[in-house]
Amino acid sequence: LKLICPRLRNPLVPVRKPDSENPAVNPFRRLSASQVNAWRKCPRLWYYGWMARLKSPLPPQILRGNAVEECVCRVLRESPTLISHDSKSPMTTPLAEDGSPDWDSDVSWVGPGLSPLPAASAPSDRESLQAWALARADAHFERCWESAIREWEASPNRVGLAEDIDKEEGRAMVEEAISLHMDQVQSCFESGGGPDIDGWRAGNRQKWPAPDGFPRNWETPHPAAVTGSVTWAEAWEVARPWFVDPDAKSFTQTSVHPEDWFQGEYDLVYRWRGEPTIVDLKASIGKGDRSGDYLDQLRMYAWLWWETHEREEAVSGLEIWYLGTGTVKLVEIPTEEEMSS
């Protein structure tokens, strides 16, 4: 069956939901990477934060990170084949009752109703494709920034002022993220689209597809699909990572341990090579006291991926993208012996 149907081969599922009606563990009592790191530093710190619920101050740097990640994901969701650089009608995602993307519904999705742009407007190289992506970032950034400010100001734990954060610095971080993503797109282009390019051209979709404006059950080939050599427009579509849909409600796309006691939420999962690479976005330069925690967080995510894939599929890469410097930190992948222990 795996040979006959490519959908059954290596599903690379980034989300595992527990039984909401009969969870093995109270959803509010599950562990997370943040809790583990806090406990390792000081059990009393963990107790105050997660048992007594005494939350630490929330500085305005948080809003920068939220705005940057949302803007990046909104750009990644769009398509240069379907959305012009100056479009005023961005893609949106229909949501189910719990606030998660309504993948199993075939209505209200934007993608199937869009007509392809003229072939002459398609990006023909990295420069033109990156220019399109940056134009889309400009189309989204202001709204993402204002939304992040409203969310931060609604928190009773906030400290400081929104004006303490440089908006242009946030916009520059979005540009760095897009440039790093374009490195993936270029690698995909130069690799001929990766091992699953034929399946993608035939219309095959994964159980948890990367947000792209189309429902899960959509077998019509994407408008960017062609025959022959891979195009830059195709590489953008194929290289698109899985990420938390920016329209979805918070914590609706986490991955939960099979026994329900641990959960995590990946930022980006690149799957075009046939093996997953987990990427964590950091709107910083990586010199703070928490930088060491980021390494442990990514290694725990590698373990969580392994556990949620029946201990048969391991990640091939772990990366932290520091958007303040535009650099990539490669994180050592834990061995199977480490993950088992």
C-alpha atoms as a PDB file:
ATOM      1  CA  LEU A   1       0.000   0.000   0.000  1.00  0.00           C
ATOM      2  CA  LYS A   2       2.851   2.380   0.750  1.00  0.00           C
ATOM      3  CA  LEU A   3       4.158   1.872  -2.768  1.00  0.00           C
ATOM      4  CA  ILE A   4       0.726   2.291  -4.340  1.00  0.00           C
ATOM      5  CA  CYS A   5      -0.369   5.335  -2.351  1.00  0.00           C
ATOM      6  CA  PRO A   6       2.308   7.948  -1.565  1.00  0.00           C
ATOM      7  CA  ARG A   7       0.003   9.480   1.074  1.00  0.00           C
ATOM      8  CA  LEU A   8       0.655   6.483   3.312  1.00  0.00           C
ATOM      9  CA  ARG A   9       4.434   6.847   3.141  1.00  0.00           C
ATOM     10  CA  ASN A  10       6.144   8.862   5.859  1.00  0.00           C
ATOM     11  CA  PRO A  11       3.228  11.116   6.920  1.00  0.00           C
ATOM     12  CA  LEU A  12       5.457  13.569   8.860  1.00  0.00           C
ATOM     13  CA  VAL A  13       2.573  14.531  11.109  1.00  0.00           C
ATOM     14  CA  PRO A  14       3.369  17.689  13.178  1.00  0.00           C
ATOM     15  CA  VAL A  15       0.176  17.678  15.265  1.00  0.00           C
ATOM     16  CA  ARG A  16      -1.144  15.025  17.620  1.00  0.00           C
ATOM     17  CA  LYS A  17      -4.414  15.798  19.348  1.00  0.00           C
ATOM     18  CA  PRO A  18      -5.599  13.825  22.403  1.00  0.00           C
ATOM     19  CA  ASP A  19      -9.142  12.661  22.945  1.00  0.00           C
ATOM     20  CA  SER A  20     -10.773  15.934  23.996  1.00  0.00           C
ATOM     21  CA  GLU A  21     -13.735  14.165  25.603  1.00  0.00           C
ATOM     22  CA  ASN A  22     -11.664  11.708  27.604  1.00  0.00           C
ATOM     23  CA  PRO A  23      -8.112  13.028  28.018  1.00  0.00           C
ATOM     24  CA  ALA A  24      -5.695  10.882  29.994  1.00  0.00           C
ATOM     25  CA  VAL A  25      -4.302  14.029  31.638  1.00  0.00           C
ATOM     26  CA  ASN A  26      -5.992  17.343  32.433  1.00  0.00           C
ATOM     27  CA  PRO A  27      -4.992  19.682  29.569  1.00  0.00           C
ATOM     28  CA  PHE A  28      -3.978  22.338  32.103  1.00  0.00           C
ATOM     29  CA  ARG A  29      -1.643  19.940  33.907  1.00  0.00           C
ATOM     30  CA  ARG A  30       0.478  18.809  30.970  1.00  0.00           C
ATOM     31  CA  LEU A  31       4.189  19.492  31.066  1.00  0.00           C
ATOM     32  CA  SER A  32       5.995  21.646  28.498  1.00  0.00           C
ATOM     33  CA  ALA A  33       9.556  22.525  27.595  1.00  0.00           C
ATOM     34  CA  SER A  34       9.180  25.806  29.499  1.00  0.00           C
ATOM     35  CA  GLN A  35       8.166  23.948  32.641  1.00  0.00           C
ATOM     36  CA  VAL A  36      11.024  21.475  32.365  1.00  0.00           C
ATOM     37  CA  ASN A  37      13.566  24.270  31.936  1.00  0.00           C
ATOM     38  CA  ALA A  38      12.104  26.166  34.901  1.00  0.00           C
ATOM     39  CA  TRP A  39      12.239  23.060  37.101  1.00  0.00           C
ATOM     40  CA  ARG A  40      15.869  22.407  36.170  1.00  0.00           C
ATOM     41  CA  LYS A  41      16.768  25.951  37.201  1.00  0.00           C
ATOM     42  CA  CYS A  42      14.776  25.992  40.424  1.00  0.00           C
ATOM     43  CA  PRO A  43      11.863  23.761  41.514  1.00  0.00           C
ATOM     44  CA  ARG A  44      10.479  26.641  43.572  1.00  0.00           C
ATOM     45  CA  LEU A  45      10.427  28.820  40.431  1.00  0.00           C
ATOM     46  CA  TRP A  46       8.424  26.116  38.683  1.00  0.00           C
ATOM     47  CA  TYR A  47       6.030  25.825  41.639  1.00  0.00           C
ATOM     48  CA  TYR A  48       5.333  29.555  41.739  1.00  0.00           C
ATOM     49  CA  GLY A  49       4.817  29.765  37.997  1.00  0.00           C
ATOM     50  CA  TRP A  50       2.745  26.661  37.260  1.00  0.00           C
ATOM     51  CA  MET A  51       1.153  25.619  40.537  1.00  0.00           C
ATOM     52  CA  ALA A  52       0.623  28.907  42.384  1.00  0.00           C
ATOM     53  CA  ARG A  53       0.071  30.620  39.011  1.00  0.00           C
ATOM     54  CA  LEU A  54       2.202  33.636  39.919  1.00  0.00           C
ATOM     55  CA  LYS A  55       3.286  34.713  36.473  1.00  0.00           C
ATOM     56  CA  SER A  56       6.444  36.720  35.860  1.00  0.00           C
ATOM     57  CA  PRO A  57       6.343  40.202  34.260  1.00  0.00           C
ATOM     58  CA  LEU A  58       5.652  40.335  30.524  1.00  0.00           C
ATOM     59  CA  PRO A  59       8.060  42.792  28.803  1.00  0.00           C
ATOM     60  CA  PRO A  60       7.194  44.431  25.480  1.00  0.00           C
ATOM     61  CA  GLN A  61       9.797  42.277  23.680  1.00  0.00           C
ATOM     62  CA  ILE A  62       7.090  39.613  23.727  1.00  0.00           C
ATOM     63  CA  LEU A  63       4.900  41.641  21.391  1.00  0.00           C
ATOM     64  CA  ARG A  64       7.769  41.965  18.917  1.00  0.00           C
ATOM     65  CA  GLY A  65       8.204  38.211  18.759  1.00  0.00           C
ATOM     66  CA  ASN A  66       4.477  37.641  18.303  1.00  0.00           C
ATOM     67  CA  ALA A  67       4.190  40.255  15.553  1.00  0.00           C
ATOM     68  CA  VAL A  68       7.220  38.958  13.676  1.00  0.00           C
ATOM     69  CA  GLU A  69       6.106  35.314  13.775  1.00  0.00           C
ATOM     70  CA  GLU A  70       2.559  36.128  12.679  1.00  0.00           C
ATOM     71  CA  CYS A  71       3.771  38.256   9.777  1.00  0.00           C
ATOM     72  CA  VAL A  72       6.227  35.595   8.613  1.00  0.00           C
ATOM     73  CA  CYS A  73       3.551  32.900   8.722  1.00  0.00           C
ATOM     74  CA  ARG A  74       1.079  35.037   6.793  1.00  0.00           C
ATOM     75  CA  VAL A  75       3.657  35.455   4.047  1.00  0.00           C
ATOM     76  CA  LEU A  76       4.492  31.744   4.014  1.00  0.00           C
ATOM     77  CA  ARG A  77       0.809  30.857   3.638  1.00  0.00           C
ATOM     78  CA  GLU A  78       0.442  32.841   0.432  1.00  0.00           C
ATOM     79  CA  SER A  79       1.377  31.860  -3.106  1.00  0.00           C
ATOM     80  CA  PRO A  80       3.126  33.884  -5.835  1.00  0.00           C
ATOM     81  CA  THR A  81       1.030  31.898  -8.310  1.00  0.00           C
ATOM     82  CA  LEU A  82      -2.252  33.087  -6.799  1.00  0.00           C
ATOM     83  CA  ILE A  83      -1.565  36.314  -4.886  1.00  0.00           C
ATOM     84  CA  SER A  84      -0.072  39.411  -6.509  1.00  0.00           C
ATOM     85  CA  HIS A  85       2.601  41.366  -4.659  1.00  0.00           C
ATOM     86  CA  ASP A  86       0.176  44.251  -4.033  1.00  0.00           C
ATOM     87  CA  SER A  87      -2.993  42.257  -3.339  1.00  0.00           C
ATOM     88  CA  LYS A  88      -5.410  43.741  -0.814  1.00  0.00           C
ATOM     89  CA  SER A  89      -7.148  40.378  -0.297  1.00  0.00           C
ATOM     90  CA  PRO A  90      -4.845  38.177   1.796  1.00  0.00           C
ATOM     91  CA  MET A  91      -5.485  34.487   2.353  1.00  0.00           C
ATOM     92  CA  THR A  92      -7.532  33.468   5.383  1.00  0.00           C
ATOM     93  CA  THR A  93      -8.268  30.088   6.922  1.00  0.00           C
ATOM     94  CA  PRO A  94     -11.755  28.830   7.940  1.00  0.00           C
ATOM     95  CA  LEU A  95     -11.837  27.584  11.519  1.00  0.00           C
ATOM     96  CA  ALA A  96     -13.616  24.719  13.252  1.00  0.00           C
ATOM     97  CA  GLU A  97     -15.581  25.142  16.494  1.00  0.00           C
ATOM     98  CA  ASP A  98     -12.460  24.719  18.631  1.00  0.00           C
ATOM     99  CA  GLY A  99     -10.637  27.460  16.721  1.00  0.00           C
ATOM    100  CA  SER A 100      -8.337  25.148  14.767  1.00  0.00           C
ATOM    101  CA  PRO A 101      -8.149  25.123  10.942  1.00  0.00           C
ATOM    102  CA  ASP A 102     -11.209  23.327   9.574  1.00  0.00           C
ATOM    103  CA  TRP A 103      -9.126  20.932   7.477  1.00  0.00           C
ATOM    104  CA  ASP A 104     -11.913  18.410   6.894  1.00  0.00           C
ATOM    105  CA  SER A 105     -14.380  20.945   5.499  1.00  0.00           C
ATOM    106  CA  ASP A 106     -14.347  21.637   1.768  1.00  0.00           C
ATOM    107  CA  VAL A 107     -16.081  25.004   2.027  1.00  0.00           C
ATOM    108  CA  SER A 108     -14.893  28.528   2.840  1.00  0.00           C
ATOM    109  CA  TRP A 109     -11.318  27.849   1.739  1.00  0.00           C
ATOM    110  CA  VAL A 110      -9.868  30.680  -0.348  1.00  0.00           C
ATOM    111  CA  GLY A 111      -7.435  28.732  -2.530  1.00  0.00           C
ATOM    112  CA  PRO A 112      -9.880  26.754  -4.716  1.00  0.00           C
ATOM    113  CA  GLY A 113     -11.632  29.957  -5.750  1.00  0.00           C
ATOM    114  CA  LEU A 114      -8.506  31.848  -6.835  1.00  0.00           C
ATOM    115  CA  SER A 115      -7.456  32.099 -10.460  1.00  0.00           C
ATOM    116  CA  PRO A 116      -3.762  31.767 -11.336  1.00  0.00           C
ATOM    117  CA  LEU A 117      -1.960  34.989 -12.169  1.00  0.00           C
ATOM    118  CA  PRO A 118      -0.612  35.493 -15.702  1.00  0.00           C
ATOM    119  CA  ALA A 119       2.378  33.252 -16.357  1.00  0.00           C
ATOM    120  CA  ALA A 120       4.482  36.285 -17.247  1.00  0.00           C
ATOM    121  CA  SER A 121       4.234  37.529 -13.656  1.00  0.00           C
ATOM    122  CA  ALA A 122       5.652  34.338 -12.124  1.00  0.00           C
ATOM    123  CA  PRO A 123       9.002  34.756 -10.319  1.00  0.00           C
ATOM    124  CA  SER A 124      11.842  33.451 -12.461  1.00  0.00           C
ATOM    125  CA  ASP A 125      14.701  33.609  -9.942  1.00  0.00           C
ATOM    126  CA  ARG A 126      15.423  34.002  -6.246  1.00  0.00           C
ATOM    127  CA  GLU A 127      15.578  37.776  -6.428  1.00  0.00           C
ATOM    128  CA  SER A 128      12.128  38.202  -7.968  1.00  0.00           C
ATOM    129  CA  LEU A 129      10.567  35.633  -5.628  1.00  0.00           C
ATOM    130  CA  GLN A 130      12.123  37.245  -2.562  1.00  0.00           C
ATOM    131  CA  ALA A 131      10.962  40.663  -3.739  1.00  0.00           C
ATOM    132  CA  TRP A 132       7.398  39.301  -3.960  1.00  0.00           C
ATOM    133  CA  ALA A 133       7.671  37.846  -0.426  1.00  0.00           C
ATOM    134  CA  LEU A 134       8.964  41.120   1.029  1.00  0.00           C
ATOM    135  CA  ALA A 135       6.137  43.017  -0.651  1.00  0.00           C
ATOM    136  CA  ARG A 136       3.685  40.620   0.994  1.00  0.00           C
ATOM    137  CA  ALA A 137       5.424  41.224   4.332  1.00  0.00           C
ATOM    138  CA  ASP A 138       4.809  44.940   3.884  1.00  0.00           C
ATOM    139  CA  ALA A 139       1.146  44.173   3.187  1.00  0.00           C
ATOM    140  CA  HIS A 140       0.794  42.300   6.502  1.00  0.00           C
ATOM    141  CA  PHE A 141       3.245  43.810   8.951  1.00  0.00           C
ATOM    142  CA  GLU A 142       1.341  46.852  10.214  1.00  0.00           C
ATOM    143  CA  ARG A 143      -1.746  44.834  11.100  1.00  0.00           C
ATOM    144  CA  CYS A 144       0.350  42.131  12.789  1.00  0.00           C
ATOM    145  CA  TRP A 145       2.193  44.754  14.837  1.00  0.00           C
ATOM    146  CA  GLU A 146      -0.985  46.466  16.004  1.00  0.00           C
ATOM    147  CA  SER A 147      -2.579  43.118  16.850  1.00  0.00           C
ATOM    148  CA  ALA A 148       0.448  42.126  18.941  1.00  0.00           C
ATOM    149  CA  ILE A 149       0.300  45.435  20.833  1.00  0.00           C
ATOM    150  CA  ARG A 150      -3.384  44.947  21.664  1.00  0.00           C
ATOM    151  CA  GLU A 151      -2.762  41.417  22.907  1.00  0.00           C
ATOM    152  CA  TRP A 152       0.196  42.495  25.057  1.00  0.00           C
ATOM    153  CA  GLU A 153      -1.636  45.499  26.502  1.00  0.00           C
ATOM    154  CA  ALA A 154      -4.515  43.211  27.510  1.00  0.00           C
ATOM    155  CA  SER A 155      -2.178  41.279  29.820  1.00  0.00           C
ATOM    156  CA  PRO A 156      -2.267  42.324  33.498  1.00  0.00           C
ATOM    157  CA  ASN A 157       1.361  41.197  33.838  1.00  0.00           C
ATOM    158  CA  ARG A 158       2.797  43.564  31.247  1.00  0.00           C
ATOM    159  CA  VAL A 159       5.630  45.901  32.185  1.00  0.00           C
ATOM    160  CA  GLY A 160       7.074  48.780  30.175  1.00  0.00           C
ATOM    161  CA  LEU A 161       5.592  50.505  27.160  1.00  0.00           C
ATOM    162  CA  ALA A 162       4.912  49.383  23.618  1.00  0.00           C
ATOM    163  CA  GLU A 163       6.913  52.436  22.501  1.00  0.00           C
ATOM    164  CA  ASP A 164       9.994  50.855  24.090  1.00  0.00           C
ATOM    165  CA  ILE A 165      10.171  48.443  21.137  1.00  0.00           C
ATOM    166  CA  ASP A 166      11.427  49.618  17.752  1.00  0.00           C
ATOM    167  CA  LYS A 167       8.886  48.669  15.103  1.00  0.00           C
ATOM    168  CA  GLU A 168      11.443  48.948  12.300  1.00  0.00           C
ATOM    169  CA  GLU A 169      13.646  46.467  14.128  1.00  0.00           C
ATOM    170  CA  GLY A 170      10.717  44.044  14.074  1.00  0.00           C
ATOM    171  CA  ARG A 171      10.222  44.616  10.361  1.00  0.00           C
ATOM    172  CA  ALA A 172      13.920  43.893   9.765  1.00  0.00           C
ATOM    173  CA  MET A 173      13.534  40.594  11.636  1.00  0.00           C
ATOM    174  CA  VAL A 174      10.702  39.600   9.299  1.00  0.00           C
ATOM    175  CA  GLU A 175      13.022  40.242   6.368  1.00  0.00           C
ATOM    176  CA  GLU A 176      15.725  38.050   7.912  1.00  0.00           C
ATOM    177  CA  ALA A 177      13.229  35.215   8.412  1.00  0.00           C
ATOM    178  CA  ILE A 178      12.106  35.428   4.803  1.00  0.00           C
ATOM    179  CA  SER A 179      15.726  35.375   3.634  1.00  0.00           C
ATOM    180  CA  LEU A 180      16.407  32.233   5.683  1.00  0.00           C
ATOM    181  CA  HIS A 181      13.268  30.627   4.287  1.00  0.00           C
ATOM    182  CA  MET A 182      14.432  31.520   0.801  1.00  0.00           C
ATOM    183  CA  ASP A 183      17.572  29.474   1.486  1.00  0.00           C
ATOM    184  CA  GLN A 184      15.262  26.484   1.892  1.00  0.00           C
ATOM    185  CA  VAL A 185      13.367  27.385  -1.279  1.00  0.00           C
ATOM    186  CA  GLN A 186      16.609  27.678  -3.221  1.00  0.00           C
ATOM    187  CA  SER A 187      17.817  24.303  -1.942  1.00  0.00           C
ATOM    188  CA  CYS A 188      14.475  22.801  -2.977  1.00  0.00           C
ATOM    189  CA  PHE A 189      14.775  24.372  -6.424  1.00  0.00           C
ATOM    190  CA  GLU A 190      18.343  23.156  -6.885  1.00  0.00           C
ATOM    191  CA  SER A 191      17.346  19.670  -5.707  1.00  0.00           C
ATOM    192  CA  GLY A 192      14.630  19.346  -8.323  1.00  0.00           C
ATOM    193  CA  GLY A 193      11.835  19.671  -5.781  1.00  0.00           C
ATOM    194  CA  GLY A 194      12.882  16.865  -3.449  1.00  0.00           C
ATOM    195  CA  PRO A 195      11.809  13.207  -3.324  1.00  0.00           C
ATOM    196  CA  ASP A 196       8.037  13.843  -3.334  1.00  0.00           C
ATOM    197  CA  ILE A 197       7.817  16.329  -6.208  1.00  0.00           C
ATOM    198  CA  ASP A 198       5.947  13.895  -8.470  1.00  0.00           C
ATOM    199  CA  GLY A 199       3.369  13.192  -5.774  1.00  0.00           C
ATOM    200  CA  TRP A 200       2.909  16.907  -5.122  1.00  0.00           C
ATOM    201  CA  ARG A 201       2.423  17.568  -8.828  1.00  0.00           C
ATOM    202  CA  ALA A 202      -0.223  14.832  -8.892  1.00  0.00           C
ATOM    203  CA  GLY A 203      -2.162  16.565  -6.121  1.00  0.00           C
ATOM    204  CA  ASN A 204      -1.150  14.448  -3.115  1.00  0.00           C
ATOM    205  CA  ARG A 205      -1.501  16.194   0.233  1.00  0.00           C
ATOM    206  CA  GLN A 206      -0.353  15.238   3.712  1.00  0.00           C
ATOM    207  CA  LYS A 207      -2.698  14.607   6.620  1.00  0.00           C
ATOM    208  CA  TRP A 208      -1.485  17.866   8.187  1.00  0.00           C
ATOM    209  CA  PRO A 209      -0.622  19.996   5.152  1.00  0.00           C
ATOM    210  CA  ALA A 210       1.261  23.237   5.441  1.00  0.00           C
ATOM    211  CA  PRO A 211      -1.288  26.092   5.559  1.00  0.00           C
ATOM    212  CA  ASP A 212      -1.727  27.191   1.934  1.00  0.00           C
ATOM    213  CA  GLY A 213      -5.367  28.197   1.555  1.00  0.00           C
ATOM    214  CA  PHE A 214      -6.570  24.732   0.494  1.00  0.00           C
ATOM    215  CA  PRO A 215      -8.455  22.059   2.487  1.00  0.00           C
ATOM    216  CA  ARG A 216      -6.976  18.693   3.370  1.00  0.00           C
ATOM    217  CA  ASN A 217      -9.129  16.802   0.873  1.00  0.00           C
ATOM    218  CA  TRP A 218      -8.088  18.616  -2.278  1.00  0.00           C
ATOM    219  CA  GLU A 219      -6.645  16.319  -4.916  1.00  0.00           C
ATOM    220  CA  THR A 220      -6.542  18.744  -7.829  1.00  0.00           C
ATOM    221  CA  PRO A 221      -2.926  19.638  -8.685  1.00  0.00           C
ATOM    222  CA  HIS A 222      -1.847  23.050  -7.476  1.00  0.00           C
ATOM    223  CA  PRO A 223      -1.997  25.792 -10.137  1.00  0.00           C
ATOM    224  CA  ALA A 224       1.790  26.193  -9.821  1.00  0.00           C
ATOM    225  CA  ALA A 225       2.415  22.560 -10.815  1.00  0.00           C
ATOM    226  CA  VAL A 226       4.109  22.035 -14.181  1.00  0.00           C
ATOM    227  CA  THR A 227       6.031  19.282 -15.934  1.00  0.00           C
ATOM    228  CA  GLY A 228       9.746  19.138 -16.573  1.00  0.00           C
ATOM    229  CA  SER A 229      12.205  21.190 -14.560  1.00  0.00           C
ATOM    230  CA  VAL A 230      11.058  22.587 -11.237  1.00  0.00           C
ATOM    231  CA  THR A 231      10.210  26.285 -11.298  1.00  0.00           C
ATOM    232  CA  TRP A 232      10.817  28.830  -8.553  1.00  0.00           C
ATOM    233  CA  ALA A 233       7.060  29.127  -8.028  1.00  0.00           C
ATOM    234  CA  GLU A 234       6.855  25.364  -7.502  1.00  0.00           C
ATOM    235  CA  ALA A 235       9.815  25.407  -5.127  1.00  0.00           C
ATOM    236  CA  TRP A 236       8.005  28.004  -2.997  1.00  0.00           C
ATOM    237  CA  GLU A 237       4.967  25.724  -2.735  1.00  0.00           C
ATOM    238  CA  VAL A 238       6.881  22.480  -2.130  1.00  0.00           C
ATOM    239  CA  ALA A 239       9.350  23.934   0.390  1.00  0.00           C
ATOM    240  CA  ARG A 240       6.605  25.604   2.441  1.00  0.00           C
ATOM    241  CA  PRO A 241       6.986  24.328   6.023  1.00  0.00           C
ATOM    242  CA  TRP A 242       4.210  23.343   8.334  1.00  0.00           C
ATOM    243  CA  PHE A 243       3.523  26.131  10.834  1.00  0.00           C
ATOM    244  CA  VAL A 244       0.835  27.241  13.230  1.00  0.00           C
ATOM    245  CA  ASP A 245      -1.849  28.875  11.118  1.00  0.00           C
ATOM    246  CA  PRO A 246      -1.932  32.600  12.008  1.00  0.00           C
ATOM    247  CA  ASP A 247      -5.745  32.634  12.006  1.00  0.00           C
ATOM    248  CA  ALA A 248      -6.096  29.710  14.431  1.00  0.00           C
ATOM    249  CA  LYS A 249      -6.838  30.008  18.133  1.00  0.00           C
ATOM    250  CA  SER A 250      -3.827  29.633  20.442  1.00  0.00           C
ATOM    251  CA  PHE A 251      -2.798  26.108  21.460  1.00  0.00           C
ATOM    252  CA  THR A 252      -5.106  24.343  19.009  1.00  0.00           C
ATOM    253  CA  GLN A 253      -2.210  22.924  16.973  1.00  0.00           C
ATOM    254  CA  THR A 254       0.033  21.494  19.651  1.00  0.00           C
ATOM    255  CA  SER A 255       1.502  18.020  19.538  1.00  0.00           C
ATOM    256  CA  VAL A 256       0.713  15.959  22.635  1.00  0.00           C
ATOM    257  CA  HIS A 257       2.630  12.941  23.950  1.00  0.00           C
ATOM    258  CA  PRO A 258       0.759   9.632  23.353  1.00  0.00           C
ATOM    259  CA  GLU A 259       0.200   9.393  27.125  1.00  0.00           C
ATOM    260  CA  ASP A 260      -1.018  13.025  27.195  1.00  0.00           C
ATOM    261  CA  TRP A 261       1.380  14.307  29.881  1.00  0.00           C
ATOM    262  CA  PHE A 262       3.635  16.515  27.711  1.00  0.00           C
ATOM    263  CA  GLN A 263       2.902  18.911  24.875  1.00  0.00           C
ATOM    264  CA  GLY A 264       4.750  21.283  22.572  1.00  0.00           C
ATOM    265  CA  GLU A 265       4.094  23.462  19.563  1.00  0.00           C
ATOM    266  CA  TYR A 266       6.610  23.697  16.726  1.00  0.00           C
ATOM    267  CA  ASP A 267       7.220  26.997  14.931  1.00  0.00           C
ATOM    268  CA  LEU A 268       8.254  25.611  11.542  1.00  0.00           C
ATOM    269  CA  VAL A 269       8.646  22.028  10.317  1.00  0.00           C
ATOM    270  CA  TYR A 270      10.348  21.657   6.939  1.00  0.00           C
ATOM    271  CA  ARG A 271       9.393  18.363   5.273  1.00  0.00           C
ATOM    272  CA  TRP A 272      10.269  18.770   1.606  1.00  0.00           C
ATOM    273  CA  ARG A 273      13.406  16.620   1.903  1.00  0.00           C
ATOM    274  CA  GLY A 274      11.308  13.680   3.107  1.00  0.00           C
ATOM    275  CA  GLU A 275      12.612  13.982   6.671  1.00  0.00           C
ATOM    276  CA  PRO A 276      11.566  16.658   9.180  1.00  0.00           C
ATOM    277  CA  THR A 277      13.659  19.622  10.273  1.00  0.00           C
ATOM    278  CA  ILE A 278      12.223  21.551  13.216  1.00  0.00           C
ATOM    279  CA  VAL A 279      12.949  25.289  13.301  1.00  0.00           C
ATOM    280  CA  ASP A 280      12.352  27.652  16.195  1.00  0.00           C
ATOM    281  CA  LEU A 281      12.047  31.372  15.439  1.00  0.00           C
ATOM    282  CA  LYS A 282      13.628  33.766  17.933  1.00  0.00           C
ATOM    283  CA  ALA A 283      13.127  37.515  17.549  1.00  0.00           C
ATOM    284  CA  SER A 284      16.438  38.203  19.276  1.00  0.00           C
ATOM    285  CA  ILE A 285      20.207  38.039  18.807  1.00  0.00           C
ATOM    286  CA  GLY A 286      20.604  35.043  21.134  1.00  0.00           C
ATOM    287  CA  LYS A 287      22.672  36.634  23.887  1.00  0.00           C
ATOM    288  CA  GLY A 288      20.149  36.528  26.733  1.00  0.00           C
ATOM    289  CA  ASP A 289      20.080  34.276  29.774  1.00  0.00           C
ATOM    290  CA  ARG A 290      17.442  32.058  28.163  1.00  0.00           C
ATOM    291  CA  SER A 291      19.508  31.116  25.117  1.00  0.00           C
ATOM    292  CA  GLY A 292      20.658  27.903  26.774  1.00  0.00           C
ATOM    293  CA  ASP A 293      17.006  26.953  27.348  1.00  0.00           C
ATOM    294  CA  TYR A 294      16.391  27.178  23.601  1.00  0.00           C
ATOM    295  CA  LEU A 295      18.793  24.296  22.963  1.00  0.00           C
ATOM    296  CA  ASP A 296      17.018  22.101  25.501  1.00  0.00           C
ATOM    297  CA  GLN A 297      13.643  23.127  24.070  1.00  0.00           C
ATOM    298  CA  LEU A 298      14.596  22.002  20.564  1.00  0.00           C
ATOM    299  CA  ARG A 299      16.017  18.716  21.831  1.00  0.00           C
ATOM    300  CA  MET A 300      12.771  18.069  23.726  1.00  0.00           C
ATOM    301  CA  TYR A 301      10.868  18.782  20.513  1.00  0.00           C
ATOM    302  CA  ALA A 302      12.982  16.157  18.737  1.00  0.00           C
ATOM    303  CA  TRP A 303      12.032  13.677  21.463  1.00  0.00           C
ATOM    304  CA  LEU A 304       8.349  14.658  21.244  1.00  0.00           C
ATOM    305  CA  TRP A 305       8.375  14.116  17.469  1.00  0.00           C
ATOM    306  CA  TRP A 306       9.895  10.665  17.985  1.00  0.00           C
ATOM    307  CA  GLU A 307       7.320   9.742  20.638  1.00  0.00           C
ATOM    308  CA  THR A 308       4.354  10.936  18.555  1.00  0.00           C
ATOM    309  CA  HIS A 309       5.585   8.898  15.574  1.00  0.00           C
ATOM    310  CA  GLU A 310       5.625   5.573  17.406  1.00  0.00           C
ATOM    311  CA  ARG A 311       9.369   5.906  17.992  1.00  0.00           C
ATOM    312  CA  GLU A 312       9.943   5.058  14.325  1.00  0.00           C
ATOM    313  CA  GLU A 313      10.623   8.497  12.849  1.00  0.00           C
ATOM    314  CA  ALA A 314      13.331  10.865  14.071  1.00  0.00           C
ATOM    315  CA  VAL A 315      13.969  14.447  13.009  1.00  0.00           C
ATOM    316  CA  SER A 316      16.865  15.078  10.644  1.00  0.00           C
ATOM    317  CA  GLY A 317      17.631  18.594  11.854  1.00  0.00           C
ATOM    318  CA  LEU A 318      17.053  21.109  14.665  1.00  0.00           C
ATOM    319  CA  GLU A 319      17.625  24.807  14.011  1.00  0.00           C
ATOM    320  CA  ILE A 320      17.183  28.063  15.892  1.00  0.00           C
ATOM    321  CA  TRP A 321      16.812  31.087  13.643  1.00  0.00           C
ATOM    322  CA  TYR A 322      18.014  34.207  15.444  1.00  0.00           C
ATOM    323  CA  LEU A 323      16.275  36.927  13.491  1.00  0.00           C
ATOM    324  CA  GLY A 324      18.146  39.771  15.177  1.00  0.00           C
ATOM    325  CA  THR A 325      21.289  38.667  13.356  1.00  0.00           C
ATOM    326  CA  GLY A 326      19.866  36.530  10.551  1.00  0.00           C
ATOM    327  CA  THR A 327      21.908  33.522  11.680  1.00  0.00           C
ATOM    328  CA  VAL A 328      21.105  29.850  12.143  1.00  0.00           C
ATOM    329  CA  LYS A 329      22.089  27.902  15.249  1.00  0.00           C
ATOM    330  CA  LEU A 330      22.297  24.173  14.591  1.00  0.00           C
ATOM    331  CA  VAL A 331      21.245  22.124  17.624  1.00  0.00           C
ATOM    332  CA  GLU A 332      22.635  18.661  18.283  1.00  0.00           C
ATOM    333  CA  ILE A 333      19.997  15.998  17.703  1.00  0.00           C
ATOM    334  CA  PRO A 334      19.525  13.681  20.700  1.00  0.00           C
ATOM    335  CA  THR A 335      20.378  10.039  20.169  1.00  0.00           C
ATOM    336  CA  GLU A 336      17.721   7.359  20.372  1.00  0.00           C
ATOM    337  CA  GLU A 337      19.282   6.224  23.653  1.00  0.00           C
ATOM    338  CA  GLU A 338      18.915   9.747  25.073  1.00  0.00           C
ATOM    339  CA  MET A 339      15.306  10.042  23.907  1.00  0.00           C
ATOM    340  CA  SER A 340      14.426   6.658  25.332  1.00  0.00           C
ATOM    341  CA  SER A 341      15.828   7.578  28.739  1.00  0.00           C
END
